[in-house]
Amino acid sequence: MSQIASFYLIKNNQRQELSDGDCSGAVYMAIWDWCESELDLDVRFPAPQTELASQLLAALREQDLPELAAEIAPDWDLPTEAVQSGLNTLRSHLELVQGDAALLYEMT
């Protein structure tokens, strides 16, 4: 059974659910693995992190996302399009993290 990734924007002590981009948890696990191995960022944080979100967003903005998806996908036997969708979704969520807002994700 595949895990499901859930994303939440935390702002003003309120939790707003965000789209998962129609991607499986495996897609996000592949992205987290890349973040750890290539960026030395542990993004599997158990609580909302604003500073880490800012660092990850900056790193993703420097990447050509279709090229990055093509690099990540084969290692996890995933379709490149699914990984690219996950990267796009993650980047759009990270762009919402400003001021006192934070991004939280859960795998179920």
C-alpha atoms as a PDB file:
ATOM      1  CA  MET A   1       0.000   0.000   0.000  1.00  0.00           C
ATOM      2  CA  SER A   2       1.395   3.381  -1.017  1.00  0.00           C
ATOM      3  CA  GLN A   3       1.735   6.170   1.472  1.00  0.00           C
ATOM      4  CA  ILE A   4      -0.166   9.402   1.012  1.00  0.00           C
ATOM      5  CA  ALA A   5       1.474  12.782   1.513  1.00  0.00           C
ATOM      6  CA  SER A   6      -0.579  15.546   3.107  1.00  0.00           C
ATOM      7  CA  PHE A   7       0.586  19.158   3.147  1.00  0.00           C
ATOM      8  CA  TYR A   8      -0.609  21.910   5.460  1.00  0.00           C
ATOM      9  CA  LEU A   9       0.071  25.626   5.624  1.00  0.00           C
ATOM     10  CA  ILE A  10       0.264  26.698   9.261  1.00  0.00           C
ATOM     11  CA  LYS A  11      -0.475  30.384   9.811  1.00  0.00           C
ATOM     12  CA  ASN A  12      -1.980  32.258  12.754  1.00  0.00           C
ATOM     13  CA  ASN A  13      -2.369  28.945  14.590  1.00  0.00           C
ATOM     14  CA  GLN A  14      -4.606  27.650  11.822  1.00  0.00           C
ATOM     15  CA  ARG A  15      -3.944  24.641   9.619  1.00  0.00           C
ATOM     16  CA  GLN A  16      -4.977  24.841   5.969  1.00  0.00           C
ATOM     17  CA  GLU A  17      -4.765  21.657   3.905  1.00  0.00           C
ATOM     18  CA  LEU A  18      -2.959  22.040   0.578  1.00  0.00           C
ATOM     19  CA  SER A  19      -3.061  19.887  -2.549  1.00  0.00           C
ATOM     20  CA  ASP A  20      -0.802  16.854  -2.833  1.00  0.00           C
ATOM     21  CA  GLY A  21      -0.527  17.488  -6.580  1.00  0.00           C
ATOM     22  CA  ASP A  22      -2.102  14.068  -7.193  1.00  0.00           C
ATOM     23  CA  CYS A  23       1.263  12.478  -6.369  1.00  0.00           C
ATOM     24  CA  SER A  24       1.878   9.385  -4.292  1.00  0.00           C
ATOM     25  CA  GLY A  25       3.890   9.427  -1.117  1.00  0.00           C
ATOM     26  CA  ALA A  26       6.645   7.617  -3.047  1.00  0.00           C
ATOM     27  CA  VAL A  27       7.153  10.705  -5.206  1.00  0.00           C
ATOM     28  CA  TYR A  28       7.730  12.865  -2.152  1.00  0.00           C
ATOM     29  CA  MET A  29       9.974  10.233  -0.561  1.00  0.00           C
ATOM     30  CA  ALA A  30      12.124  10.376  -3.708  1.00  0.00           C
ATOM     31  CA  ILE A  31      12.251  14.183  -3.493  1.00  0.00           C
ATOM     32  CA  TRP A  32      13.142  14.075   0.222  1.00  0.00           C
ATOM     33  CA  ASP A  33      15.900  11.576  -0.552  1.00  0.00           C
ATOM     34  CA  TRP A  34      17.345  13.915  -3.193  1.00  0.00           C
ATOM     35  CA  CYS A  35      17.195  16.844  -0.747  1.00  0.00           C
ATOM     36  CA  GLU A  36      19.143  14.853   1.824  1.00  0.00           C
ATOM     37  CA  SER A  37      21.761  13.434  -0.536  1.00  0.00           C
ATOM     38  CA  GLU A  38      22.304  16.426  -2.833  1.00  0.00           C
ATOM     39  CA  LEU A  39      21.482  19.427  -0.630  1.00  0.00           C
ATOM     40  CA  ASP A  40      22.373  18.003   2.774  1.00  0.00           C
ATOM     41  CA  LEU A  41      18.940  19.147   4.017  1.00  0.00           C
ATOM     42  CA  ASP A  42      16.897  16.895   6.276  1.00  0.00           C
ATOM     43  CA  VAL A  43      13.429  17.849   5.106  1.00  0.00           C
ATOM     44  CA  ARG A  44      11.612  15.021   6.862  1.00  0.00           C
ATOM     45  CA  PHE A  45      10.965  17.383   9.720  1.00  0.00           C
ATOM     46  CA  PRO A  46       8.349  16.394  12.288  1.00  0.00           C
ATOM     47  CA  ALA A  47       7.138  19.959  12.870  1.00  0.00           C
ATOM     48  CA  PRO A  48       6.611  23.071  10.744  1.00  0.00           C
ATOM     49  CA  GLN A  49       9.894  24.696   9.752  1.00  0.00           C
ATOM     50  CA  THR A  50      10.040  28.190   8.258  1.00  0.00           C
ATOM     51  CA  GLU A  51      13.821  28.532   7.824  1.00  0.00           C
ATOM     52  CA  LEU A  52      14.186  25.093   6.264  1.00  0.00           C
ATOM     53  CA  ALA A  53      11.329  25.867   3.872  1.00  0.00           C
ATOM     54  CA  SER A  54      13.156  29.008   2.782  1.00  0.00           C
ATOM     55  CA  GLN A  55      16.380  27.064   2.153  1.00  0.00           C
ATOM     56  CA  LEU A  56      14.594  24.367   0.177  1.00  0.00           C
ATOM     57  CA  LEU A  57      12.689  26.915  -1.913  1.00  0.00           C
ATOM     58  CA  ALA A  58      15.937  28.706  -2.778  1.00  0.00           C
ATOM     59  CA  ALA A  59      17.502  25.384  -3.820  1.00  0.00           C
ATOM     60  CA  LEU A  60      14.508  24.433  -5.971  1.00  0.00           C
ATOM     61  CA  ARG A  61      14.489  27.835  -7.665  1.00  0.00           C
ATOM     62  CA  GLU A  62      18.060  27.175  -8.806  1.00  0.00           C
ATOM     63  CA  GLN A  63      17.068  23.886 -10.452  1.00  0.00           C
ATOM     64  CA  ASP A  64      15.612  23.126 -13.853  1.00  0.00           C
ATOM     65  CA  LEU A  65      12.678  21.097 -12.523  1.00  0.00           C
ATOM     66  CA  PRO A  66      12.079  18.918 -15.617  1.00  0.00           C
ATOM     67  CA  GLU A  67      15.791  18.045 -15.660  1.00  0.00           C
ATOM     68  CA  LEU A  68      15.798  17.383 -11.921  1.00  0.00           C
ATOM     69  CA  ALA A  69      12.721  15.158 -12.225  1.00  0.00           C
ATOM     70  CA  ALA A  70      14.467  13.171 -14.960  1.00  0.00           C
ATOM     71  CA  GLU A  71      17.441  12.719 -12.604  1.00  0.00           C
ATOM     72  CA  ILE A  72      15.376  11.619  -9.576  1.00  0.00           C
ATOM     73  CA  ALA A  73      12.723   9.406 -11.223  1.00  0.00           C
ATOM     74  CA  PRO A  74      14.844   6.441 -12.429  1.00  0.00           C
ATOM     75  CA  ASP A  75      16.389   5.858  -8.997  1.00  0.00           C
ATOM     76  CA  TRP A  76      12.911   5.261  -7.575  1.00  0.00           C
ATOM     77  CA  ASP A  77      11.333   3.637 -10.646  1.00  0.00           C
ATOM     78  CA  LEU A  78       8.840   6.495 -10.906  1.00  0.00           C
ATOM     79  CA  PRO A  79       7.460   8.289 -13.958  1.00  0.00           C
ATOM     80  CA  THR A  80       9.377  11.507 -14.628  1.00  0.00           C
ATOM     81  CA  GLU A  81       6.085  13.382 -15.037  1.00  0.00           C
ATOM     82  CA  ALA A  82       4.966  12.366 -11.542  1.00  0.00           C
ATOM     83  CA  VAL A  83       8.214  13.556  -9.973  1.00  0.00           C
ATOM     84  CA  GLN A  84       8.026  16.829 -11.901  1.00  0.00           C
ATOM     85  CA  SER A  85       4.448  17.327 -10.689  1.00  0.00           C
ATOM     86  CA  GLY A  86       5.626  16.690  -7.119  1.00  0.00           C
ATOM     87  CA  LEU A  87       8.477  19.180  -7.486  1.00  0.00           C
ATOM     88  CA  ASN A  88       6.123  21.816  -8.910  1.00  0.00           C
ATOM     89  CA  THR A  89       3.607  21.205  -6.118  1.00  0.00           C
ATOM     90  CA  LEU A  90       6.271  21.371  -3.436  1.00  0.00           C
ATOM     91  CA  ARG A  91       7.734  24.584  -4.855  1.00  0.00           C
ATOM     92  CA  SER A  92       4.310  26.242  -5.010  1.00  0.00           C
ATOM     93  CA  HIS A  93       3.630  25.246  -1.376  1.00  0.00           C
ATOM     94  CA  LEU A  94       7.016  26.555  -0.250  1.00  0.00           C
ATOM     95  CA  GLU A  95       6.263  29.899  -1.921  1.00  0.00           C
ATOM     96  CA  LEU A  96       3.338  30.287   0.514  1.00  0.00           C
ATOM     97  CA  VAL A  97       5.676  30.138   3.515  1.00  0.00           C
ATOM     98  CA  GLN A  98       6.219  33.785   4.414  1.00  0.00           C
ATOM     99  CA  GLY A  99       6.331  35.682   7.678  1.00  0.00           C
ATOM    100  CA  ASP A 100       4.992  33.528  10.482  1.00  0.00           C
ATOM    101  CA  ALA A 101       3.650  30.831   8.137  1.00  0.00           C
ATOM    102  CA  ALA A 102       5.159  27.349   7.958  1.00  0.00           C
ATOM    103  CA  LEU A 103       4.706  24.235   5.856  1.00  0.00           C
ATOM    104  CA  LEU A 104       3.937  20.916   7.491  1.00  0.00           C
ATOM    105  CA  TYR A 105       3.686  17.567   5.768  1.00  0.00           C
ATOM    106  CA  GLU A 106       2.534  14.206   7.043  1.00  0.00           C
ATOM    107  CA  MET A 107       2.819  10.775   5.509  1.00  0.00           C
ATOM    108  CA  THR A 108      -0.045   8.374   6.201  1.00  0.00           C
END
